[in-house]
Amino acid sequence: MNTSEFDLRNTNCISREFSENTIYKGYAGFVMVEGKLFCEVGYSSICMETVKYYDLEDFAGTNIARMCYTEKFGNSNNQCHAWSRYRIIALGKISKKIIASFYQVKSTGEYIYMIDNVAYSEHFPIEWALRPMETHDEDGAEYIYGPGTSRRHCGNCNVYGSWRGVFIGYCINCAGVYELARGNGLEDHGIDITQSAYLQGIDLTTVGYNIAPGEKYNCCLSGGRLPTGPDICHDQTDVDPVREDEIDKVVANVFPHSTWVSKRHPRRAYGISSNNYNEIIITEQTCELTPDLIRSKMEAFLRENDIEITDDNYSFPIGERPAWDCYRITKKPSWWFAWNAILRDPQKMYEEVYLHIRLYVSNVHTADKPAMLHLECNNVKGRNPVYWTMRHAMKSWILGETDTPLIVMPTDLYRDDNETVEIDGVLYPVPVPIY
């Protein structure tokens, strides 16, 4: 799979243990401008004057994470004033924006903030989490000194820097790289060799969300430990596993638009689409028209029309291991089959169209309750007159209304085929208008 589109650093993955023990409270945005970090509070797309930015340097040494959630900046205790959006723009271009999600532990009331699938204790300075140190070796490979879900992050921090499911401090090695400016380092789960200043006075029995974590959960990654084992880039025989001993059962009283993972096919899920206006097909499953048939026909359609598949949810990863995030393969699936693709114009007169194609299966198919098959095609970005014709051709091919998967453009009665336009020294027909 393509890291740029399915990387879990863009979508938080939460384990069952995390969701059962915490309550989602909200989120805050942080921006980096000219090397300075600001918390963005009061965003409004209507009146930008209501947006306030607080320089995190003004709050160094305080529990910024809790202040971010409660928005208790600029109060009488600190007398710090917010920057206006105009001062931010004058300072320089916003080079980076990071979203932190906030959760409250049900049993203790403690806060946890999550950035890129790493759960941090509110006592770990959020300005450190937002700005980890990065280096590159002589081959250009990146290394990040801190916890995270990719191979570039420190595996020791993921484990030894964790306590009861949250990150509380760097491992000894990374602490040395920071020259002990960010704590003295942890040598084991929750064991700080000389208790760093920011941990002093903190009752570790109240930190974290898992009051009795086993080895499996003693990790700060919100979705659990990283998968281990052989590199599946070189052995893709089990990329779409089937558990022969499992049988999917009919689920009763399902909420609308909810999804649940198949036990027999653990990388697929039952559910229905919430965007009916993008539907290509809505029909009942039959003995002839099945999800596997649609998958086979969709692959043939995309292949025969030279539409590049950049991703799917059953043959990942595409590319060598350094190019993908091994953690995302454990993400809870939301569809039965999914494809990301690009519709290109070989003459380069129109934009590339980025497609998200999803097949939903509403429920376990039985004779008494046939499954509904929902096939949708979303135009993520790009304009090309072939797009709408492609949708009609896709529907006709999959439903068996035509014997060819090829996209055949209709004739424009008001167009002179003799008209041409020169592009890079080559003559092409005049482009079709896009409405």
Protein backbone atom coordinates (compact mmCIF):
# COMPACT_ATOMS: atom_id res chain seq x y z
CA MET A 1 0.00 0.00 0.00
CA ASN A 2 1.04 3.57 -0.58
CA THR A 3 2.15 5.28 2.62
CA SER A 4 1.01 8.68 1.42
CA GLU A 5 -2.64 7.62 1.40
CA PHE A 6 -3.02 4.93 4.08
CA ASP A 7 -0.38 5.96 6.60
CA LEU A 8 -1.72 5.64 10.13
CA ARG A 9 0.12 8.78 11.10
CA ASN A 10 -2.81 10.52 9.42
CA THR A 11 -5.56 8.46 11.03
CA ASN A 12 -5.54 7.51 14.69
CA CYS A 13 -5.80 3.78 15.36
CA ILE A 14 -7.23 3.02 18.81
CA SER A 15 -7.20 -0.36 20.51
CA ARG A 16 -10.23 -1.73 22.32
CA GLU A 17 -8.46 -1.33 25.68
CA PHE A 18 -7.85 2.35 24.98
CA SER A 19 -11.42 3.11 23.90
CA GLU A 20 -12.95 1.22 26.85
CA ASN A 21 -10.89 3.11 29.44
CA THR A 22 -10.95 6.66 28.07
CA ILE A 23 -13.41 9.33 26.91
CA TYR A 24 -12.70 11.50 23.88
CA LYS A 25 -12.73 15.18 24.90
CA GLY A 26 -11.68 17.10 21.81
CA TYR A 27 -8.61 18.26 19.94
CA ALA A 28 -6.28 21.23 19.50
CA GLY A 29 -4.23 22.42 16.56
CA PHE A 30 -0.58 23.45 16.67
CA VAL A 31 1.28 25.36 13.99
CA MET A 32 4.98 25.95 13.40
CA VAL A 33 6.05 29.33 12.03
CA GLU A 34 9.70 30.23 11.53
CA GLY A 35 10.74 27.58 14.06
CA LYS A 36 8.25 28.74 16.72
CA LEU A 37 5.36 26.59 17.98
CA PHE A 38 1.89 28.05 18.60
CA CYS A 39 -1.35 26.57 19.86
CA GLU A 40 -4.29 27.57 17.66
CA VAL A 41 -7.45 28.33 19.64
CA GLY A 42 -10.88 29.48 18.47
CA TYR A 43 -10.70 28.56 14.80
CA SER A 44 -13.45 30.06 12.66
CA SER A 45 -13.74 29.85 8.89
CA ILE A 46 -16.11 32.84 8.94
CA CYS A 47 -14.27 35.33 11.11
CA MET A 48 -10.52 34.78 11.14
CA GLU A 49 -10.10 37.54 13.74
CA THR A 50 -11.40 35.12 16.38
CA VAL A 51 -8.43 32.81 15.87
CA LYS A 52 -5.80 33.16 18.60
CA TYR A 53 -2.28 31.77 18.66
CA TYR A 54 -0.35 31.18 21.87
CA ASP A 55 3.43 30.90 21.84
CA LEU A 56 4.28 27.68 23.70
CA GLU A 57 7.57 29.18 24.90
CA ASP A 58 5.53 31.51 27.13
CA PHE A 59 4.14 28.48 28.96
CA ALA A 60 7.29 26.38 29.32
CA GLY A 61 7.30 24.32 32.52
CA THR A 62 3.51 24.18 32.81
CA ASN A 63 0.99 21.47 31.92
CA ILE A 64 0.38 22.80 28.42
CA ALA A 65 -1.62 19.71 27.40
CA ARG A 66 -4.32 20.40 29.99
CA MET A 67 -4.29 24.11 29.19
CA CYS A 68 -4.79 23.30 25.49
CA TYR A 69 -7.91 21.29 26.18
CA THR A 70 -9.40 23.71 28.72
CA GLU A 71 -8.23 26.70 26.61
CA LYS A 72 -7.03 28.42 29.77
CA PHE A 73 -4.47 30.55 28.00
CA GLY A 74 -4.04 34.24 28.66
CA ASN A 75 -5.77 34.18 32.04
CA SER A 76 -4.92 36.30 35.06
CA ASN A 77 -2.36 33.80 36.31
CA ASN A 78 0.10 34.14 33.45
CA GLN A 79 -0.80 37.47 31.82
CA CYS A 80 0.23 36.12 28.41
CA HIS A 81 -1.50 37.59 25.41
CA ALA A 82 -2.49 35.78 22.28
CA TRP A 83 -1.02 36.50 18.88
CA SER A 84 -3.50 37.51 16.22
CA ARG A 85 -3.66 35.72 12.90
CA TYR A 86 -2.23 38.81 11.25
CA ARG A 87 0.88 38.75 13.44
CA ILE A 88 1.33 35.06 12.57
CA ILE A 89 1.11 35.80 8.87
CA ALA A 90 3.55 38.70 9.29
CA LEU A 91 5.99 36.43 11.12
CA GLY A 92 6.14 33.94 8.28
CA LYS A 93 4.41 31.14 6.46
CA ILE A 94 2.89 28.31 8.50
CA SER A 95 5.25 25.45 7.66
CA LYS A 96 3.57 22.67 9.62
CA LYS A 97 0.28 21.96 11.38
CA ILE A 98 -0.24 19.13 13.86
CA ILE A 99 -3.47 17.96 15.49
CA ALA A 100 -3.45 16.57 19.04
CA SER A 101 -6.50 14.62 20.26
CA PHE A 102 -7.37 14.69 23.97
CA TYR A 103 -8.83 11.88 26.07
CA GLN A 104 -9.70 11.61 29.74
CA VAL A 105 -9.11 8.41 31.71
CA LYS A 106 -12.42 7.24 33.20
CA SER A 107 -10.96 5.89 36.44
CA THR A 108 -8.60 8.73 37.37
CA GLY A 109 -9.64 11.86 35.46
CA GLU A 110 -6.11 12.19 34.08
CA TYR A 111 -5.69 13.51 30.56
CA ILE A 112 -3.98 11.79 27.64
CA TYR A 113 -3.09 13.48 24.39
CA MET A 114 -2.51 11.59 21.16
CA ILE A 115 -0.31 12.65 18.24
CA ASP A 116 0.23 10.36 15.25
CA ASN A 117 -0.99 7.27 17.13
CA VAL A 118 1.23 7.80 20.16
CA ALA A 119 -0.57 8.24 23.49
CA TYR A 120 1.25 10.64 25.83
CA SER A 121 0.69 11.34 29.51
CA GLU A 122 -0.44 14.91 30.08
CA HIS A 123 2.68 15.30 32.25
CA PHE A 124 5.02 14.74 29.31
CA PRO A 125 5.67 18.21 27.85
CA ILE A 126 3.65 18.49 24.67
CA GLU A 127 6.19 20.85 23.11
CA TRP A 128 8.68 17.93 23.13
CA ALA A 129 6.19 15.60 21.49
CA LEU A 130 5.54 18.18 18.79
CA ARG A 131 9.22 18.67 18.02
CA PRO A 132 11.26 15.45 18.11
CA MET A 133 14.87 15.49 16.96
CA GLU A 134 15.49 14.00 13.52
CA THR A 135 18.73 12.97 11.85
CA HIS A 136 19.73 11.43 8.51
CA ASP A 137 22.50 8.94 7.93
CA GLU A 138 24.94 9.06 5.03
CA ASP A 139 22.44 7.15 2.86
CA GLY A 140 19.75 9.76 3.54
CA ALA A 141 17.65 7.51 5.79
CA GLU A 142 15.73 9.42 8.46
CA TYR A 143 15.78 8.54 12.17
CA ILE A 144 13.44 10.09 14.74
CA TYR A 145 14.46 10.13 18.41
CA GLY A 146 11.18 9.33 20.12
CA PRO A 147 8.13 7.05 19.93
CA GLY A 148 6.13 6.41 16.78
CA THR A 149 4.62 3.88 14.44
CA SER A 150 7.19 3.74 11.66
CA ARG A 151 10.56 2.05 11.36
CA ARG A 152 12.13 5.50 11.59
CA HIS A 153 11.07 5.94 15.20
CA CYS A 154 12.82 4.58 18.28
CA GLY A 155 11.56 1.12 19.22
CA ASN A 156 13.06 1.40 22.72
CA CYS A 157 11.02 4.54 23.42
CA ASN A 158 7.84 2.73 22.35
CA VAL A 159 8.40 0.11 25.04
CA TYR A 160 10.75 1.31 27.78
CA GLY A 161 9.43 4.87 27.73
CA SER A 162 5.87 3.66 28.31
CA TRP A 163 3.87 3.20 31.48
CA ARG A 164 0.33 1.81 31.64
CA GLY A 165 -0.21 2.49 27.95
CA VAL A 166 1.13 6.06 27.69
CA PHE A 167 4.50 7.61 26.94
CA ILE A 168 6.14 9.30 29.93
CA GLY A 169 9.80 9.66 28.93
CA TYR A 170 12.55 8.89 26.43
CA CYS A 171 14.69 5.78 26.63
CA ILE A 172 18.21 6.19 27.97
CA ASN A 173 19.73 6.31 24.48
CA CYS A 174 17.46 9.07 23.19
CA ALA A 175 17.75 11.02 26.45
CA GLY A 176 21.50 11.10 25.84
CA VAL A 177 20.98 12.46 22.33
CA TYR A 178 18.94 15.30 23.84
CA GLU A 179 21.85 15.84 26.31
CA LEU A 180 19.44 15.16 29.22
CA ALA A 181 17.57 18.39 28.45
CA ARG A 182 14.40 16.31 28.11
CA GLY A 183 14.83 14.08 31.12
CA ASN A 184 17.35 11.52 32.25
CA GLY A 185 15.91 8.54 30.40
CA LEU A 186 13.98 5.42 31.40
CA GLU A 187 15.68 2.07 31.67
CA ASP A 188 12.47 0.05 31.91
CA HIS A 189 8.71 0.52 32.02
CA GLY A 190 8.16 3.59 34.19
CA ILE A 191 11.60 3.35 35.84
CA ASP A 192 13.40 6.68 35.59
CA ILE A 193 17.03 6.26 36.63
CA THR A 194 17.12 9.57 38.54
CA GLN A 195 13.53 10.80 38.16
CA SER A 196 13.52 13.71 35.77
CA ALA A 197 12.32 17.12 36.94
CA TYR A 198 9.02 17.02 35.03
CA LEU A 199 8.11 13.70 36.74
CA GLN A 200 8.85 14.79 40.27
CA GLY A 201 5.79 14.79 42.49
CA ILE A 202 3.77 12.76 40.00
CA ASP A 203 2.00 9.68 41.37
CA LEU A 204 2.68 7.08 38.69
CA THR A 205 -0.19 4.94 39.96
CA THR A 206 -2.58 7.53 38.49
CA VAL A 207 -0.78 7.83 35.14
CA GLY A 208 -2.05 5.99 32.07
CA TYR A 209 -5.29 4.23 31.22
CA ASN A 210 -4.51 0.54 31.85
CA ILE A 211 -4.46 -0.08 35.60
CA ALA A 212 -3.06 -3.62 35.30
CA PRO A 213 -1.34 -3.80 31.93
CA GLY A 214 0.18 -7.01 30.75
CA GLU A 215 3.25 -7.03 28.58
CA LYS A 216 1.05 -6.66 25.49
CA TYR A 217 -0.31 -3.27 26.56
CA ASN A 218 2.79 -1.80 28.14
CA CYS A 219 3.31 0.26 25.02
CA CYS A 220 2.47 3.88 24.21
CA LEU A 221 1.19 3.14 20.69
CA SER A 222 -2.57 3.61 20.80
CA GLY A 223 -3.21 0.61 18.57
CA GLY A 224 -0.83 -1.75 20.36
CA ARG A 225 2.64 -3.02 19.55
CA LEU A 226 4.08 -2.93 16.06
CA PRO A 227 3.73 -6.21 14.14
CA THR A 228 6.82 -8.36 13.93
CA GLY A 229 7.89 -11.23 11.74
CA PRO A 230 9.06 -11.58 8.15
CA ASP A 231 8.94 -8.71 5.71
CA ILE A 232 5.65 -9.26 3.89
CA CYS A 233 6.95 -7.25 0.96
CA HIS A 234 8.85 -10.37 -0.04
CA ASP A 235 6.11 -12.88 0.86
CA GLN A 236 2.65 -11.69 -0.10
CA THR A 237 0.99 -15.10 -0.01
CA ASP A 238 -1.13 -14.15 3.01
CA VAL A 239 -1.92 -10.49 2.33
CA ASP A 240 -5.67 -11.20 2.28
CA PRO A 241 -5.93 -13.94 4.92
CA VAL A 242 -8.91 -16.27 5.20
CA ARG A 243 -9.59 -17.97 8.52
CA GLU A 244 -11.17 -21.22 7.39
CA ASP A 245 -12.27 -22.16 10.91
CA GLU A 246 -14.27 -18.94 11.39
CA ILE A 247 -17.85 -18.33 10.25
CA ASP A 248 -19.40 -14.87 10.07
CA LYS A 249 -22.74 -14.68 11.82
CA VAL A 250 -25.66 -12.38 11.10
CA VAL A 251 -25.50 -9.30 13.35
CA ALA A 252 -28.88 -8.04 14.58
CA ASN A 253 -29.86 -4.45 15.52
CA VAL A 254 -26.97 -2.76 13.75
CA PHE A 255 -26.80 1.05 13.86
CA PRO A 256 -27.05 2.77 10.45
CA HIS A 257 -23.69 3.18 8.69
CA SER A 258 -21.84 1.17 11.33
CA THR A 259 -19.19 -1.36 10.32
CA TRP A 260 -17.97 -4.58 11.83
CA VAL A 261 -14.96 -6.65 10.88
CA SER A 262 -15.38 -10.06 9.29
CA LYS A 263 -13.93 -12.89 11.38
CA ARG A 264 -13.42 -15.07 8.34
CA HIS A 265 -11.77 -12.25 6.33
CA PRO A 266 -10.03 -10.10 8.99
CA ARG A 267 -9.02 -7.38 6.51
CA ARG A 268 -12.57 -6.81 5.29
CA ALA A 269 -15.62 -5.32 7.00
CA TYR A 270 -19.39 -5.31 6.62
CA GLY A 271 -21.22 -1.99 6.36
CA ILE A 272 -22.93 0.43 3.99
CA SER A 273 -21.86 3.68 2.38
CA SER A 274 -22.90 7.05 3.79
CA ASN A 275 -22.39 8.89 0.45
CA ASN A 276 -25.24 7.65 -1.72
CA TYR A 277 -24.73 10.36 -4.33
CA ASN A 278 -21.43 8.72 -5.34
CA GLU A 279 -22.93 5.28 -5.84
CA ILE A 280 -22.17 3.33 -9.00
CA ILE A 281 -24.20 0.28 -8.02
CA ILE A 282 -26.74 -0.51 -5.29
CA THR A 283 -28.05 -4.03 -5.74
CA GLU A 284 -28.69 -7.28 -3.91
CA GLN A 285 -26.03 -9.97 -3.88
CA THR A 286 -26.97 -13.04 -5.90
CA CYS A 287 -25.37 -16.37 -6.75
CA GLU A 288 -23.94 -14.74 -9.89
CA LEU A 289 -23.19 -11.20 -8.66
CA THR A 290 -20.85 -11.54 -5.69
CA PRO A 291 -18.20 -9.32 -4.10
CA ASP A 292 -15.43 -11.51 -5.55
CA LEU A 293 -16.90 -11.13 -9.04
CA ILE A 294 -17.01 -7.34 -8.64
CA ARG A 295 -13.38 -7.38 -7.49
CA SER A 296 -12.36 -9.42 -10.54
CA LYS A 297 -14.29 -7.20 -12.93
CA MET A 298 -13.02 -4.00 -11.30
CA GLU A 299 -9.41 -5.11 -11.67
CA ALA A 300 -10.04 -5.91 -15.35
CA PHE A 301 -11.79 -2.56 -15.89
CA LEU A 302 -8.96 -0.52 -14.39
CA ARG A 303 -6.31 -2.57 -16.18
CA GLU A 304 -7.91 -2.45 -19.64
CA ASN A 305 -8.46 1.31 -19.42
CA ASP A 306 -4.92 1.95 -18.19
CA ILE A 307 -6.18 3.44 -14.91
CA GLU A 308 -3.33 3.08 -12.43
CA ILE A 309 -4.13 1.39 -9.11
CA THR A 310 -2.05 3.12 -6.45
CA ASP A 311 -3.53 1.23 -3.52
CA ASP A 312 -5.98 -1.45 -2.47
CA ASN A 313 -6.91 -3.15 0.79
CA TYR A 314 -6.03 -6.71 -0.12
CA SER A 315 -2.62 -6.78 -1.84
CA PHE A 316 -0.54 -4.46 0.30
CA PRO A 317 2.09 -3.32 0.59
CA ILE A 318 3.07 -1.95 -2.80
CA GLY A 319 6.73 -0.98 -2.78
CA GLU A 320 9.79 -1.77 -0.72
CA ARG A 321 9.63 -1.81 3.05
CA PRO A 322 11.27 1.60 3.70
CA ALA A 323 8.46 3.22 1.71
CA TRP A 324 5.58 2.02 3.86
CA ASP A 325 4.45 2.16 7.45
CA CYS A 326 4.28 -1.41 8.74
CA TYR A 327 1.91 -0.35 11.51
CA ARG A 328 -1.02 0.64 9.35
CA ILE A 329 -1.79 -2.91 8.21
CA THR A 330 -3.44 -3.53 11.59
CA LYS A 331 -5.89 -0.68 11.03
CA LYS A 332 -9.53 -1.67 11.50
CA PRO A 333 -11.01 -2.10 8.00
CA SER A 334 -14.03 -0.08 6.89
CA TRP A 335 -14.91 -1.70 3.56
CA TRP A 336 -15.07 -5.07 1.85
CA PHE A 337 -12.83 -4.03 -1.02
CA ALA A 338 -11.15 -0.69 -1.72
CA TRP A 339 -9.07 0.77 -4.53
CA ASN A 340 -7.27 4.07 -4.94
CA ALA A 341 -6.53 4.89 -8.56
CA ILE A 342 -5.53 7.67 -10.95
CA LEU A 343 -7.33 8.41 -14.23
CA ARG A 344 -4.75 10.06 -16.47
CA ASP A 345 -5.06 11.78 -19.82
CA PRO A 346 -2.32 10.43 -22.12
CA GLN A 347 -2.47 13.66 -24.13
CA LYS A 348 -2.02 15.71 -20.93
CA MET A 349 -4.75 18.17 -21.86
CA TYR A 350 -6.80 17.49 -18.71
CA GLU A 351 -6.08 17.09 -15.02
CA GLU A 352 -5.33 13.77 -13.39
CA VAL A 353 -8.38 12.48 -11.52
CA TYR A 354 -7.70 10.76 -8.19
CA LEU A 355 -10.30 8.09 -7.50
CA HIS A 356 -11.37 6.37 -4.28
CA ILE A 357 -13.42 3.30 -5.19
CA ARG A 358 -15.11 1.37 -2.36
CA LEU A 359 -17.24 -1.77 -2.29
CA TYR A 360 -19.50 -2.15 0.76
CA VAL A 361 -21.26 -5.39 1.73
CA SER A 362 -24.16 -4.61 4.07
CA ASN A 363 -24.33 -7.89 5.99
CA VAL A 364 -23.62 -11.60 5.94
CA HIS A 365 -25.37 -12.91 2.84
CA THR A 366 -28.10 -15.47 3.50
CA ALA A 367 -31.12 -16.72 1.55
CA ASP A 368 -33.45 -15.04 4.05
CA LYS A 369 -31.50 -11.78 4.17
CA PRO A 370 -29.52 -11.10 0.99
CA ALA A 371 -26.61 -8.69 1.34
CA MET A 372 -26.80 -5.32 -0.37
CA LEU A 373 -23.77 -4.44 -2.48
CA HIS A 374 -22.84 -0.76 -2.59
CA LEU A 375 -20.13 0.28 -5.04
CA GLU A 376 -19.12 3.92 -4.88
CA CYS A 377 -16.57 5.97 -6.81
CA ASN A 378 -15.38 9.27 -5.35
CA ASN A 379 -13.55 11.93 -7.32
CA VAL A 380 -11.06 13.15 -4.73
CA LYS A 381 -9.60 15.81 -6.99
CA GLY A 382 -9.10 16.60 -10.67
CA ARG A 383 -11.35 17.32 -13.66
CA ASN A 384 -11.54 15.27 -16.83
CA PRO A 385 -14.52 14.82 -19.20
CA VAL A 386 -13.77 11.08 -19.30
CA TYR A 387 -14.73 10.72 -15.61
CA TRP A 388 -18.52 10.59 -16.03
CA THR A 389 -18.30 8.33 -19.06
CA MET A 390 -15.98 6.09 -17.02
CA ARG A 391 -18.62 5.79 -14.28
CA HIS A 392 -21.29 4.68 -16.78
CA ALA A 393 -18.88 2.22 -18.42
CA MET A 394 -17.89 0.81 -15.03
CA LYS A 395 -21.52 0.20 -14.07
CA SER A 396 -22.42 -1.42 -17.40
CA TRP A 397 -19.37 -3.71 -17.31
CA ILE A 398 -19.88 -4.93 -13.75
CA LEU A 399 -23.62 -5.54 -14.19
CA GLY A 400 -23.02 -7.44 -17.42
CA GLU A 401 -24.85 -4.91 -19.61
CA THR A 402 -21.87 -4.78 -21.99
CA ASP A 403 -19.25 -7.28 -23.09
CA THR A 404 -16.34 -4.86 -23.07
CA PRO A 405 -14.70 -3.06 -20.14
CA LEU A 406 -13.36 -0.30 -22.41
CA ILE A 407 -14.47 3.30 -21.95
CA VAL A 408 -15.99 4.57 -25.19
CA MET A 409 -16.37 8.35 -25.36
CA PRO A 410 -19.61 9.58 -27.01
CA THR A 411 -19.40 11.59 -30.20
CA ASP A 412 -19.71 15.36 -29.80
CA LEU A 413 -22.12 16.45 -32.56
CA TYR A 414 -21.09 20.07 -32.19
CA ARG A 415 -17.38 19.46 -32.44
CA ASP A 416 -15.23 19.67 -35.56
CA ASP A 417 -12.85 16.70 -35.49
CA ASN A 418 -10.58 18.55 -37.88
CA GLU A 419 -9.81 21.20 -35.28
CA THR A 420 -6.48 20.67 -33.58
CA VAL A 421 -4.31 22.28 -30.96
CA GLU A 422 -0.53 22.11 -30.76
CA ILE A 423 1.02 20.94 -27.47
CA ASP A 424 4.80 20.55 -27.22
CA GLY A 425 5.03 20.44 -30.99
CA VAL A 426 2.37 17.72 -31.36
CA LEU A 427 -1.12 18.28 -32.82
CA TYR A 428 -4.06 17.01 -30.76
CA PRO A 429 -7.86 17.34 -31.19
CA VAL A 430 -9.38 20.36 -29.45
CA PRO A 431 -10.18 19.45 -25.80
CA VAL A 432 -13.76 18.74 -24.81
CA PRO A 433 -15.16 21.53 -22.57
CA ILE A 434 -15.51 20.67 -18.85
CA TYR A 435 -18.75 21.82 -17.30
